[in-house]
Amino acid sequence: MDVKLYNIVAIVNEGFSDSVMEIAKDQGARGGTIIPANGSVTADAMKLYGIGIHPEKEIVLILVNENLVNAILERLYDKLGSQSDAMGIFFTLPVTHASENLLKQYNTKKEE
């Protein structure tokens, strides 16, 4: 089984994780995991960027096939990026190892 999976990581201000999941699902993702978090930044960094930093964050982890990554990221950047109230930061991590039962869920080839 040759499945290439990526973990999309979205870090957004509190209250925007549902928007992240709506965008991801509209582009073909099956679901995700939402983790409450707190941001940490120095006063110097706040002055440098000229913006207020909201300490309450949400981290959304979304596991997807390789072919969905670009479409999801483009929509996230567009709708929830740094110019929005969500102040989103998005990146991906390749999944190099996964359990067989997880890989079967994401295998797009039909079993013969």
PDB file of N, CA and C in Angstrom:
ATOM      1  N   MET A   1       0.844  -1.178   0.000  1.00  0.00           N
ATOM      2  CA  MET A   1       0.000   0.000   0.000  1.00  0.00           C
ATOM      3  C   MET A   1       0.887   1.238   0.000  1.00  0.00           C
ATOM      4  N   ASP A   2       0.709   2.070  -1.011  1.00  0.00           N
ATOM      5  CA  ASP A   2       1.534   3.270  -1.122  1.00  0.00           C
ATOM      6  C   ASP A   2       0.671   4.506  -0.869  1.00  0.00           C
ATOM      7  N   VAL A   3       0.472   4.838   0.391  1.00  0.00           N
ATOM      8  CA  VAL A   3      -0.355   5.974   0.775  1.00  0.00           C
ATOM      9  C   VAL A   3       0.562   7.050   1.340  1.00  0.00           C
ATOM     10  N   LYS A   4       0.450   8.269   0.812  1.00  0.00           N
ATOM     11  CA  LYS A   4       1.223   9.389   1.343  1.00  0.00           C
ATOM     12  C   LYS A   4       0.280  10.303   2.113  1.00  0.00           C
ATOM     13  N   LEU A   5       0.499  10.351   3.429  1.00  0.00           N
ATOM     14  CA  LEU A   5      -0.342  11.163   4.304  1.00  0.00           C
ATOM     15  C   LEU A   5       0.431  12.354   4.833  1.00  0.00           C
ATOM     16  N   TYR A   6      -0.295  13.419   5.069  1.00  0.00           N
ATOM     17  CA  TYR A   6       0.272  14.615   5.681  1.00  0.00           C
ATOM     18  C   TYR A   6      -0.621  15.054   6.823  1.00  0.00           C
ATOM     19  N   ASN A   7       0.001  15.611   7.839  1.00  0.00           N
ATOM     20  CA  ASN A   7      -0.712  16.196   8.955  1.00  0.00           C
ATOM     21  C   ASN A   7      -0.704  17.703   8.733  1.00  0.00           C
ATOM     22  N   ILE A   8      -1.872  18.268   8.454  1.00  0.00           N
ATOM     23  CA  ILE A   8      -1.983  19.717   8.364  1.00  0.00           C
ATOM     24  C   ILE A   8      -2.153  20.235   9.784  1.00  0.00           C
ATOM     25  N   VAL A   9      -1.324  21.189  10.163  1.00  0.00           N
ATOM     26  CA  VAL A   9      -1.385  21.802  11.485  1.00  0.00           C
ATOM     27  C   VAL A   9      -1.875  23.234  11.304  1.00  0.00           C
ATOM     28  N   ALA A  10      -2.975  23.553  11.958  1.00  0.00           N
ATOM     29  CA  ALA A  10      -3.530  24.904  11.921  1.00  0.00           C
ATOM     30  C   ALA A  10      -3.524  25.455  13.341  1.00  0.00           C
ATOM     31  N   ILE A  11      -2.920  26.617  13.516  1.00  0.00           N
ATOM     32  CA  ILE A  11      -2.927  27.289  14.815  1.00  0.00           C
ATOM     33  C   ILE A  11      -3.696  28.589  14.617  1.00  0.00           C
ATOM     34  N   VAL A  12      -4.836  28.695  15.294  1.00  0.00           N
ATOM     35  CA  VAL A  12      -5.719  29.849  15.116  1.00  0.00           C
ATOM     36  C   VAL A  12      -6.127  30.407  16.477  1.00  0.00           C
ATOM     37  N   ASN A  13      -6.609  31.645  16.461  1.00  0.00           N
ATOM     38  CA  ASN A  13      -7.149  32.220  17.681  1.00  0.00           C
ATOM     39  C   ASN A  13      -8.349  31.412  18.142  1.00  0.00           C
ATOM     40  N   GLU A  14      -8.573  31.429  19.439  1.00  0.00           N
ATOM     41  CA  GLU A  14      -9.678  30.690  20.031  1.00  0.00           C
ATOM     42  C   GLU A  14     -10.994  31.059  19.338  1.00  0.00           C
ATOM     43  N   GLY A  15     -11.793  30.036  19.040  1.00  0.00           N
ATOM     44  CA  GLY A  15     -13.088  30.255  18.427  1.00  0.00           C
ATOM     45  C   GLY A  15     -13.111  30.032  16.923  1.00  0.00           C
ATOM     46  N   PHE A  16     -11.956  29.762  16.308  1.00  0.00           N
ATOM     47  CA  PHE A  16     -11.892  29.602  14.858  1.00  0.00           C
ATOM     48  C   PHE A  16     -11.642  28.168  14.402  1.00  0.00           C
ATOM     49  N   SER A  17     -11.562  27.225  15.329  1.00  0.00           N
ATOM     50  CA  SER A  17     -11.279  25.839  14.934  1.00  0.00           C
ATOM     51  C   SER A  17     -12.418  25.241  14.108  1.00  0.00           C
ATOM     52  N   ASP A  18     -13.656  25.612  14.397  1.00  0.00           N
ATOM     53  CA  ASP A  18     -14.773  25.103  13.593  1.00  0.00           C
ATOM     54  C   ASP A  18     -14.667  25.585  12.151  1.00  0.00           C
ATOM     55  N   SER A  19     -14.206  26.814  11.956  1.00  0.00           N
ATOM     56  CA  SER A  19     -14.010  27.340  10.597  1.00  0.00           C
ATOM     57  C   SER A  19     -12.918  26.575   9.873  1.00  0.00           C
ATOM     58  N   VAL A  20     -11.854  26.226  10.596  1.00  0.00           N
ATOM     59  CA  VAL A  20     -10.778  25.424  10.010  1.00  0.00           C
ATOM     60  C   VAL A  20     -11.337  24.087   9.534  1.00  0.00           C
ATOM     61  N   MET A  21     -12.104  23.429  10.400  1.00  0.00           N
ATOM     62  CA  MET A  21     -12.641  22.115  10.051  1.00  0.00           C
ATOM     63  C   MET A  21     -13.654  22.201   8.909  1.00  0.00           C
ATOM     64  N   GLU A  22     -14.454  23.242   8.869  1.00  0.00           N
ATOM     65  CA  GLU A  22     -15.418  23.406   7.782  1.00  0.00           C
ATOM     66  C   GLU A  22     -14.692  23.520   6.437  1.00  0.00           C
ATOM     67  N   ILE A  23     -13.652  24.322   6.391  1.00  0.00           N
ATOM     68  CA  ILE A  23     -12.862  24.478   5.164  1.00  0.00           C
ATOM     69  C   ILE A  23     -12.230  23.146   4.768  1.00  0.00           C
ATOM     70  N   ALA A  24     -11.613  22.467   5.731  1.00  0.00           N
ATOM     71  CA  ALA A  24     -10.939  21.197   5.437  1.00  0.00           C
ATOM     72  C   ALA A  24     -11.932  20.149   4.929  1.00  0.00           C
ATOM     73  N   LYS A  25     -13.073  20.050   5.560  1.00  0.00           N
ATOM     74  CA  LYS A  25     -14.079  19.065   5.133  1.00  0.00           C
ATOM     75  C   LYS A  25     -14.639  19.404   3.759  1.00  0.00           C
ATOM     76  N   ASP A  26     -14.838  20.694   3.479  1.00  0.00           N
ATOM     77  CA  ASP A  26     -15.314  21.105   2.145  1.00  0.00           C
ATOM     78  C   ASP A  26     -14.329  20.712   1.050  1.00  0.00           C
ATOM     79  N   GLN A  27     -13.061  20.576   1.403  1.00  0.00           N
ATOM     80  CA  GLN A  27     -12.026  20.213   0.432  1.00  0.00           C
ATOM     81  C   GLN A  27     -11.719  18.721   0.438  1.00  0.00           C
ATOM     82  N   GLY A  28     -12.440  17.937   1.263  1.00  0.00           N
ATOM     83  CA  GLY A  28     -12.277  16.490   1.223  1.00  0.00           C
ATOM     84  C   GLY A  28     -11.715  15.828   2.458  1.00  0.00           C
ATOM     85  N   ALA A  29     -11.345  16.591   3.479  1.00  0.00           N
ATOM     86  CA  ALA A  29     -10.848  15.973   4.714  1.00  0.00           C
ATOM     87  C   ALA A  29     -11.995  15.286   5.445  1.00  0.00           C
ATOM     88  N   ARG A  30     -11.655  14.273   6.217  1.00  0.00           N
ATOM     89  CA  ARG A  30     -12.687  13.501   6.923  1.00  0.00           C
ATOM     90  C   ARG A  30     -12.963  14.035   8.322  1.00  0.00           C
ATOM     91  N   GLY A  31     -11.994  14.658   8.938  1.00  0.00           N
ATOM     92  CA  GLY A  31     -12.154  15.141  10.298  1.00  0.00           C
ATOM     93  C   GLY A  31     -10.815  15.618  10.835  1.00  0.00           C
ATOM     94  N   GLY A  32     -10.790  15.953  12.093  1.00  0.00           N
ATOM     95  CA  GLY A  32      -9.562  16.438  12.688  1.00  0.00           C
ATOM     96  C   GLY A  32      -9.636  16.398  14.196  1.00  0.00           C
ATOM     97  N   THR A  33      -8.580  16.863  14.827  1.00  0.00           N
ATOM     98  CA  THR A  33      -8.493  16.920  16.275  1.00  0.00           C
ATOM     99  C   THR A  33      -8.217  18.351  16.683  1.00  0.00           C
ATOM    100  N   ILE A  34      -9.005  18.854  17.631  1.00  0.00           N
ATOM    101  CA  ILE A  34      -8.859  20.230  18.109  1.00  0.00           C
ATOM    102  C   ILE A  34      -8.268  20.193  19.511  1.00  0.00           C
ATOM    103  N   ILE A  35      -7.198  20.959  19.692  1.00  0.00           N
ATOM    104  CA  ILE A  35      -6.499  21.012  20.974  1.00  0.00           C
ATOM    105  C   ILE A  35      -6.473  22.456  21.460  1.00  0.00           C
ATOM    106  N   PRO A  36      -7.029  22.741  22.646  1.00  0.00           N
ATOM    107  CA  PRO A  36      -6.917  24.100  23.193  1.00  0.00           C
ATOM    108  C   PRO A  36      -5.462  24.379  23.555  1.00  0.00           C
ATOM    109  N   ALA A  37      -5.019  25.625  23.351  1.00  0.00           N
ATOM    110  CA  ALA A  37      -3.617  25.962  23.620  1.00  0.00           C
ATOM    111  C   ALA A  37      -3.499  27.414  24.044  1.00  0.00           C
ATOM    112  N   ASN A  38      -2.348  27.747  24.589  1.00  0.00           N
ATOM    113  CA  ASN A  38      -2.031  29.126  24.949  1.00  0.00           C
ATOM    114  C   ASN A  38      -0.771  29.546  24.237  1.00  0.00           C
ATOM    115  N   GLY A  39      -0.826  30.706  23.578  1.00  0.00           N
ATOM    116  CA  GLY A  39       0.348  31.241  22.904  1.00  0.00           C
ATOM    117  C   GLY A  39       1.239  31.974  23.890  1.00  0.00           C
ATOM    118  N   SER A  40       2.476  32.142  23.512  1.00  0.00           N
ATOM    119  CA  SER A  40       3.439  32.852  24.343  1.00  0.00           C
ATOM    120  C   SER A  40       4.292  33.729  23.450  1.00  0.00           C
ATOM    121  N   VAL A  41       4.381  35.000  23.778  1.00  0.00           N
ATOM    122  CA  VAL A  41       5.177  35.922  22.982  1.00  0.00           C
ATOM    123  C   VAL A  41       5.704  37.031  23.894  1.00  0.00           C
ATOM    124  N   THR A  42       6.867  37.541  23.567  1.00  0.00           N
ATOM    125  CA  THR A  42       7.442  38.626  24.364  1.00  0.00           C
ATOM    126  C   THR A  42       6.873  39.966  23.925  1.00  0.00           C
ATOM    127  N   ALA A  43       6.988  40.975  24.781  1.00  0.00           N
ATOM    128  CA  ALA A  43       6.530  42.326  24.439  1.00  0.00           C
ATOM    129  C   ALA A  43       7.301  42.859  23.238  1.00  0.00           C
ATOM    130  N   ASP A  44       8.594  42.502  23.122  1.00  0.00           N
ATOM    131  CA  ASP A  44       9.401  42.943  21.979  1.00  0.00           C
ATOM    132  C   ASP A  44       8.837  42.413  20.663  1.00  0.00           C
ATOM    133  N   ALA A  45       8.402  41.168  20.650  1.00  0.00           N
ATOM    134  CA  ALA A  45       7.838  40.591  19.438  1.00  0.00           C
ATOM    135  C   ALA A  45       6.540  41.297  19.061  1.00  0.00           C
ATOM    136  N   MET A  46       5.731  41.647  20.053  1.00  0.00           N
ATOM    137  CA  MET A  46       4.483  42.354  19.779  1.00  0.00           C
ATOM    138  C   MET A  46       4.772  43.716  19.143  1.00  0.00           C
ATOM    139  N   LYS A  47       5.803  44.408  19.642  1.00  0.00           N
ATOM    140  CA  LYS A  47       6.186  45.706  19.058  1.00  0.00           C
ATOM    141  C   LYS A  47       6.709  45.529  17.640  1.00  0.00           C
ATOM    142  N   LEU A  48       7.508  44.506  17.426  1.00  0.00           N
ATOM    143  CA  LEU A  48       8.101  44.248  16.118  1.00  0.00           C
ATOM    144  C   LEU A  48       7.036  44.045  15.052  1.00  0.00           C
ATOM    145  N   TYR A  49       6.033  43.247  15.360  1.00  0.00           N
ATOM    146  CA  TYR A  49       4.993  42.946  14.382  1.00  0.00           C
ATOM    147  C   TYR A  49       3.870  43.973  14.379  1.00  0.00           C
ATOM    148  N   GLY A  50       3.807  44.809  15.398  1.00  0.00           N
ATOM    149  CA  GLY A  50       2.795  45.854  15.447  1.00  0.00           C
ATOM    150  C   GLY A  50       1.379  45.348  15.589  1.00  0.00           C
ATOM    151  N   ILE A  51       1.209  44.198  16.191  1.00  0.00           N
ATOM    152  CA  ILE A  51      -0.125  43.627  16.367  1.00  0.00           C
ATOM    153  C   ILE A  51      -0.268  43.093  17.777  1.00  0.00           C
ATOM    154  N   GLY A  52      -1.495  42.991  18.225  1.00  0.00           N
ATOM    155  CA  GLY A  52      -1.756  42.348  19.497  1.00  0.00           C
ATOM    156  C   GLY A  52      -1.774  40.837  19.307  1.00  0.00           C
ATOM    157  N   ILE A  53      -1.209  40.121  20.236  1.00  0.00           N
ATOM    158  CA  ILE A  53      -1.172  38.669  20.164  1.00  0.00           C
ATOM    159  C   ILE A  53      -2.195  38.119  21.151  1.00  0.00           C
ATOM    160  N   HIS A  54      -3.129  37.303  20.657  1.00  0.00           N
ATOM    161  CA  HIS A  54      -4.125  36.675  21.515  1.00  0.00           C
ATOM    162  C   HIS A  54      -3.521  35.414  22.116  1.00  0.00           C
ATOM    163  N   PRO A  55      -3.449  35.324  23.434  1.00  0.00           N
ATOM    164  CA  PRO A  55      -2.821  34.141  24.037  1.00  0.00           C
ATOM    165  C   PRO A  55      -3.652  32.867  23.906  1.00  0.00           C
ATOM    166  N   GLU A  56      -4.980  32.988  23.789  1.00  0.00           N
ATOM    167  CA  GLU A  56      -5.824  31.803  23.683  1.00  0.00           C
ATOM    168  C   GLU A  56      -5.835  31.330  22.238  1.00  0.00           C
ATOM    169  N   LYS A  57      -5.348  30.111  22.027  1.00  0.00           N
ATOM    170  CA  LYS A  57      -5.239  29.532  20.686  1.00  0.00           C
ATOM    171  C   LYS A  57      -5.960  28.197  20.624  1.00  0.00           C
ATOM    172  N   GLU A  58      -6.132  27.715  19.405  1.00  0.00           N
ATOM    173  CA  GLU A  58      -6.602  26.366  19.167  1.00  0.00           C
ATOM    174  C   GLU A  58      -5.704  25.768  18.100  1.00  0.00           C
ATOM    175  N   ILE A  59      -5.289  24.540  18.323  1.00  0.00           N
ATOM    176  CA  ILE A  59      -4.472  23.818  17.351  1.00  0.00           C
ATOM    177  C   ILE A  59      -5.365  22.745  16.741  1.00  0.00           C
ATOM    178  N   VAL A  60      -5.408  22.720  15.418  1.00  0.00           N
ATOM    179  CA  VAL A  60      -6.219  21.729  14.723  1.00  0.00           C
ATOM    180  C   VAL A  60      -5.278  20.836  13.923  1.00  0.00           C
ATOM    181  N   LEU A  61      -5.376  19.540  14.140  1.00  0.00           N
ATOM    182  CA  LEU A  61      -4.575  18.549  13.425  1.00  0.00           C
ATOM    183  C   LEU A  61      -5.488  17.811  12.462  1.00  0.00           C
ATOM    184  N   ILE A  62      -5.119  17.825  11.175  1.00  0.00           N
ATOM    185  CA  ILE A  62      -5.955  17.219  10.148  1.00  0.00           C
ATOM    186  C   ILE A  62      -5.089  16.284   9.315  1.00  0.00           C
ATOM    187  N   LEU A  63      -5.416  15.007   9.331  1.00  0.00           N
ATOM    188  CA  LEU A  63      -4.681  14.010   8.561  1.00  0.00           C
ATOM    189  C   LEU A  63      -5.352  13.839   7.202  1.00  0.00           C
ATOM    190  N   VAL A  64      -4.582  14.045   6.121  1.00  0.00           N
ATOM    191  CA  VAL A  64      -5.157  13.966   4.771  1.00  0.00           C
ATOM    192  C   VAL A  64      -4.194  13.292   3.803  1.00  0.00           C
ATOM    193  N   ASN A  65      -4.768  12.782   2.708  1.00  0.00           N
ATOM    194  CA  ASN A  65      -3.956  12.289   1.600  1.00  0.00           C
ATOM    195  C   ASN A  65      -3.201  13.454   0.976  1.00  0.00           C
ATOM    196  N   GLU A  66      -2.076  13.148   0.387  1.00  0.00           N
ATOM    197  CA  GLU A  66      -1.222  14.138  -0.241  1.00  0.00           C
ATOM    198  C   GLU A  66      -1.973  15.019  -1.245  1.00  0.00           C
ATOM    199  N   ASN A  67      -2.898  14.433  -1.993  1.00  0.00           N
ATOM    200  CA  ASN A  67      -3.592  15.180  -3.043  1.00  0.00           C
ATOM    201  C   ASN A  67      -4.552  16.249  -2.523  1.00  0.00           C
ATOM    202  N   LEU A  68      -4.854  16.279  -1.231  1.00  0.00           N
ATOM    203  CA  LEU A  68      -5.755  17.281  -0.663  1.00  0.00           C
ATOM    204  C   LEU A  68      -5.027  18.465  -0.026  1.00  0.00           C
ATOM    205  N   VAL A  69      -3.750  18.326   0.210  1.00  0.00           N
ATOM    206  CA  VAL A  69      -2.999  19.309   0.995  1.00  0.00           C
ATOM    207  C   VAL A  69      -3.072  20.721   0.411  1.00  0.00           C
ATOM    208  N   ASN A  70      -2.724  20.877  -0.850  1.00  0.00           N
ATOM    209  CA  ASN A  70      -2.651  22.224  -1.426  1.00  0.00           C
ATOM    210  C   ASN A  70      -3.992  22.947  -1.423  1.00  0.00           C
ATOM    211  N   ALA A  71      -5.060  22.253  -1.781  1.00  0.00           N
ATOM    212  CA  ALA A  71      -6.378  22.884  -1.815  1.00  0.00           C
ATOM    213  C   ALA A  71      -6.795  23.355  -0.420  1.00  0.00           C
ATOM    214  N   ILE A  72      -6.557  22.524   0.585  1.00  0.00           N
ATOM    215  CA  ILE A  72      -6.924  22.893   1.955  1.00  0.00           C
ATOM    216  C   ILE A  72      -6.091  24.081   2.415  1.00  0.00           C
ATOM    217  N   LEU A  73      -4.781  24.021   2.225  1.00  0.00           N
ATOM    218  CA  LEU A  73      -3.923  25.118   2.671  1.00  0.00           C
ATOM    219  C   LEU A  73      -4.263  26.440   1.986  1.00  0.00           C
ATOM    220  N   GLU A  74      -4.513  26.407   0.687  1.00  0.00           N
ATOM    221  CA  GLU A  74      -4.856  27.636  -0.027  1.00  0.00           C
ATOM    222  C   GLU A  74      -6.103  28.293   0.547  1.00  0.00           C
ATOM    223  N   ARG A  75      -7.136  27.477   0.827  1.00  0.00           N
ATOM    224  CA  ARG A  75      -8.374  28.029   1.405  1.00  0.00           C
ATOM    225  C   ARG A  75      -8.147  28.542   2.824  1.00  0.00           C
ATOM    226  N   LEU A  76      -7.349  27.814   3.606  1.00  0.00           N
ATOM    227  CA  LEU A  76      -7.066  28.270   4.970  1.00  0.00           C
ATOM    228  C   LEU A  76      -6.330  29.602   4.951  1.00  0.00           C
ATOM    229  N   TYR A  77      -5.287  29.719   4.117  1.00  0.00           N
ATOM    230  CA  TYR A  77      -4.550  30.979   4.009  1.00  0.00           C
ATOM    231  C   TYR A  77      -5.485  32.116   3.623  1.00  0.00           C
ATOM    232  N   ASP A  78      -6.356  31.841   2.643  1.00  0.00           N
ATOM    233  CA  ASP A  78      -7.247  32.867   2.108  1.00  0.00           C
ATOM    234  C   ASP A  78      -8.276  33.332   3.136  1.00  0.00           C
ATOM    235  N   LYS A  79      -8.891  32.403   3.831  1.00  0.00           N
ATOM    236  CA  LYS A  79     -10.005  32.725   4.732  1.00  0.00           C
ATOM    237  C   LYS A  79      -9.599  32.998   6.179  1.00  0.00           C
ATOM    238  N   LEU A  80      -8.541  32.332   6.650  1.00  0.00           N
ATOM    239  CA  LEU A  80      -8.204  32.395   8.077  1.00  0.00           C
ATOM    240  C   LEU A  80      -6.745  32.756   8.339  1.00  0.00           C
ATOM    241  N   GLY A  81      -6.079  33.339   7.357  1.00  0.00           N
ATOM    242  CA  GLY A  81      -4.660  33.661   7.483  1.00  0.00           C
ATOM    243  C   GLY A  81      -4.380  34.846   8.394  1.00  0.00           C
ATOM    244  N   SER A  82      -3.173  35.333   8.362  1.00  0.00           N
ATOM    245  CA  SER A  82      -2.709  36.372   9.280  1.00  0.00           C
ATOM    246  C   SER A  82      -3.428  37.701   9.117  1.00  0.00           C
ATOM    247  N   GLN A  83      -4.107  37.916   7.994  1.00  0.00           N
ATOM    248  CA  GLN A  83      -4.853  39.160   7.791  1.00  0.00           C
ATOM    249  C   GLN A  83      -6.296  39.064   8.301  1.00  0.00           C
ATOM    250  N   SER A  84      -6.681  37.932   8.846  1.00  0.00           N
ATOM    251  CA  SER A  84      -8.046  37.735   9.355  1.00  0.00           C
ATOM    252  C   SER A  84      -8.038  37.768  10.886  1.00  0.00           C
ATOM    253  N   ASP A  85      -9.225  37.771  11.464  1.00  0.00           N
ATOM    254  CA  ASP A  85      -9.343  37.730  12.922  1.00  0.00           C
ATOM    255  C   ASP A  85      -8.816  36.416  13.500  1.00  0.00           C
ATOM    256  N   ALA A  86      -8.784  35.360  12.688  1.00  0.00           N
ATOM    257  CA  ALA A  86      -8.278  34.060  13.147  1.00  0.00           C
ATOM    258  C   ALA A  86      -6.772  34.094  13.357  1.00  0.00           C
ATOM    259  N   MET A  87      -6.086  34.988  12.626  1.00  0.00           N
ATOM    260  CA  MET A  87      -4.614  35.103  12.709  1.00  0.00           C
ATOM    261  C   MET A  87      -3.948  33.742  12.554  1.00  0.00           C
ATOM    262  N   GLY A  88      -4.398  32.966  11.572  1.00  0.00           N
ATOM    263  CA  GLY A  88      -3.963  31.589  11.407  1.00  0.00           C
ATOM    264  C   GLY A  88      -2.546  31.411  10.916  1.00  0.00           C
ATOM    265  N   ILE A  89      -1.918  30.389  11.439  1.00  0.00           N
ATOM    266  CA  ILE A  89      -0.618  29.898  10.992  1.00  0.00           C
ATOM    267  C   ILE A  89      -0.847  28.448  10.587  1.00  0.00           C
ATOM    268  N   PHE A  90      -0.387  28.075   9.380  1.00  0.00           N
ATOM    269  CA  PHE A  90      -0.655  26.742   8.848  1.00  0.00           C
ATOM    270  C   PHE A  90       0.622  26.141   8.292  1.00  0.00           C
ATOM    271  N   PHE A  91       0.814  24.851   8.540  1.00  0.00           N
ATOM    272  CA  PHE A  91       1.942  24.130   7.963  1.00  0.00           C
ATOM    273  C   PHE A  91       1.617  22.647   7.933  1.00  0.00           C
ATOM    274  N   THR A  92       2.448  21.886   7.240  1.00  0.00           N
ATOM    275  CA  THR A  92       2.225  20.443   7.157  1.00  0.00           C
ATOM    276  C   THR A  92       3.438  19.685   7.681  1.00  0.00           C
ATOM    277  N   LEU A  93       3.169  18.484   8.098  1.00  0.00           N
ATOM    278  CA  LEU A  93       4.210  17.549   8.516  1.00  0.00           C
ATOM    279  C   LEU A  93       3.951  16.233   7.792  1.00  0.00           C
ATOM    280  N   PRO A  94       4.963  15.657   7.159  1.00  0.00           N
ATOM    281  CA  PRO A  94       4.746  14.368   6.513  1.00  0.00           C
ATOM    282  C   PRO A  94       4.558  13.273   7.565  1.00  0.00           C
ATOM    283  N   VAL A  95       3.675  12.347   7.272  1.00  0.00           N
ATOM    284  CA  VAL A  95       3.471  11.190   8.147  1.00  0.00           C
ATOM    285  C   VAL A  95       4.335  10.075   7.592  1.00  0.00           C
ATOM    286  N   THR A  96       5.368   9.722   8.327  1.00  0.00           N
ATOM    287  CA  THR A  96       6.309   8.722   7.835  1.00  0.00           C
ATOM    288  C   THR A  96       5.974   7.306   8.301  1.00  0.00           C
ATOM    289  N   HIS A  97       5.240   7.197   9.394  1.00  0.00           N
ATOM    290  CA  HIS A  97       4.835   5.891   9.899  1.00  0.00           C
ATOM    291  C   HIS A  97       3.408   5.994  10.415  1.00  0.00           C
ATOM    292  N   ALA A  98       2.616   4.981  10.127  1.00  0.00           N
ATOM    293  CA  ALA A  98       1.241   4.944  10.621  1.00  0.00           C
ATOM    294  C   ALA A  98       0.809   3.484  10.741  1.00  0.00           C
ATOM    295  N   SER A  99      -0.157   3.253  11.598  1.00  0.00           N
ATOM    296  CA  SER A  99      -0.647   1.885  11.770  1.00  0.00           C
ATOM    297  C   SER A  99      -1.367   1.426  10.504  1.00  0.00           C
ATOM    298  N   GLU A 100      -1.364   0.135  10.289  1.00  0.00           N
ATOM    299  CA  GLU A 100      -1.958  -0.440   9.079  1.00  0.00           C
ATOM    300  C   GLU A 100      -3.442  -0.096   8.969  1.00  0.00           C
ATOM    301  N   ASN A 101      -4.165  -0.123  10.099  1.00  0.00           N
ATOM    302  CA  ASN A 101      -5.596   0.189  10.039  1.00  0.00           C
ATOM    303  C   ASN A 101      -5.833   1.643   9.627  1.00  0.00           C
ATOM    304  N   LEU A 102      -4.949   2.538   9.995  1.00  0.00           N
ATOM    305  CA  LEU A 102      -5.063   3.934   9.570  1.00  0.00           C
ATOM    306  C   LEU A 102      -4.771   4.070   8.082  1.00  0.00           C
ATOM    307  N   LEU A 103      -3.734   3.409   7.618  1.00  0.00           N
ATOM    308  CA  LEU A 103      -3.386   3.465   6.192  1.00  0.00           C
ATOM    309  C   LEU A 103      -4.516   2.940   5.320  1.00  0.00           C
ATOM    310  N   LYS A 104      -5.200   1.878   5.770  1.00  0.00           N
ATOM    311  CA  LYS A 104      -6.310   1.320   5.001  1.00  0.00           C
ATOM    312  C   LYS A 104      -7.433   2.335   4.828  1.00  0.00           C
ATOM    313  N   GLN A 105      -7.657   3.171   5.830  1.00  0.00           N
ATOM    314  CA  GLN A 105      -8.710   4.184   5.750  1.00  0.00           C
ATOM    315  C   GLN A 105      -8.418   5.225   4.675  1.00  0.00           C
ATOM    316  N   TYR A 106      -7.154   5.470   4.416  1.00  0.00           N
ATOM    317  CA  TYR A 106      -6.765   6.524   3.482  1.00  0.00           C
ATOM    318  C   TYR A 106      -6.307   5.992   2.130  1.00  0.00           C
ATOM    319  N   ASN A 107      -6.358   4.680   1.944  1.00  0.00           N
ATOM    320  CA  ASN A 107      -5.966   4.090   0.674  1.00  0.00           C
ATOM    321  C   ASN A 107      -7.067   4.398  -0.349  1.00  0.00           C
ATOM    322  N   THR A 108      -6.692   5.071  -1.431  1.00  0.00           N
ATOM    323  CA  THR A 108      -7.664   5.463  -2.457  1.00  0.00           C
ATOM    324  C   THR A 108      -7.801   4.422  -3.554  1.00  0.00           C
ATOM    325  N   LYS A 109      -6.908   3.426  -3.597  1.00  0.00           N
ATOM    326  CA  LYS A 109      -6.977   2.374  -4.616  1.00  0.00           C
ATOM    327  C   LYS A 109      -7.956   1.300  -4.167  1.00  0.00           C
ATOM    328  N   LYS A 110      -8.700   0.785  -5.090  1.00  0.00           N
ATOM    329  CA  LYS A 110      -9.643  -0.301  -4.803  1.00  0.00           C
ATOM    330  C   LYS A 110      -8.874  -1.610  -4.596  1.00  0.00           C
ATOM    331  N   GLU A 111      -9.262  -2.368  -3.569  1.00  0.00           N
ATOM    332  CA  GLU A 111      -8.667  -3.681  -3.337  1.00  0.00           C
ATOM    333  C   GLU A 111      -9.192  -4.644  -4.392  1.00  0.00           C
ATOM    334  N   GLU A 112      -8.308  -5.492  -4.903  1.00  0.00           N
ATOM    335  CA  GLU A 112      -8.737  -6.444  -5.936  1.00  0.00           C
ATOM    336  C   GLU A 112      -9.010  -7.793  -5.311  1.00  0.00           C
TER     337      GLU A 112
END
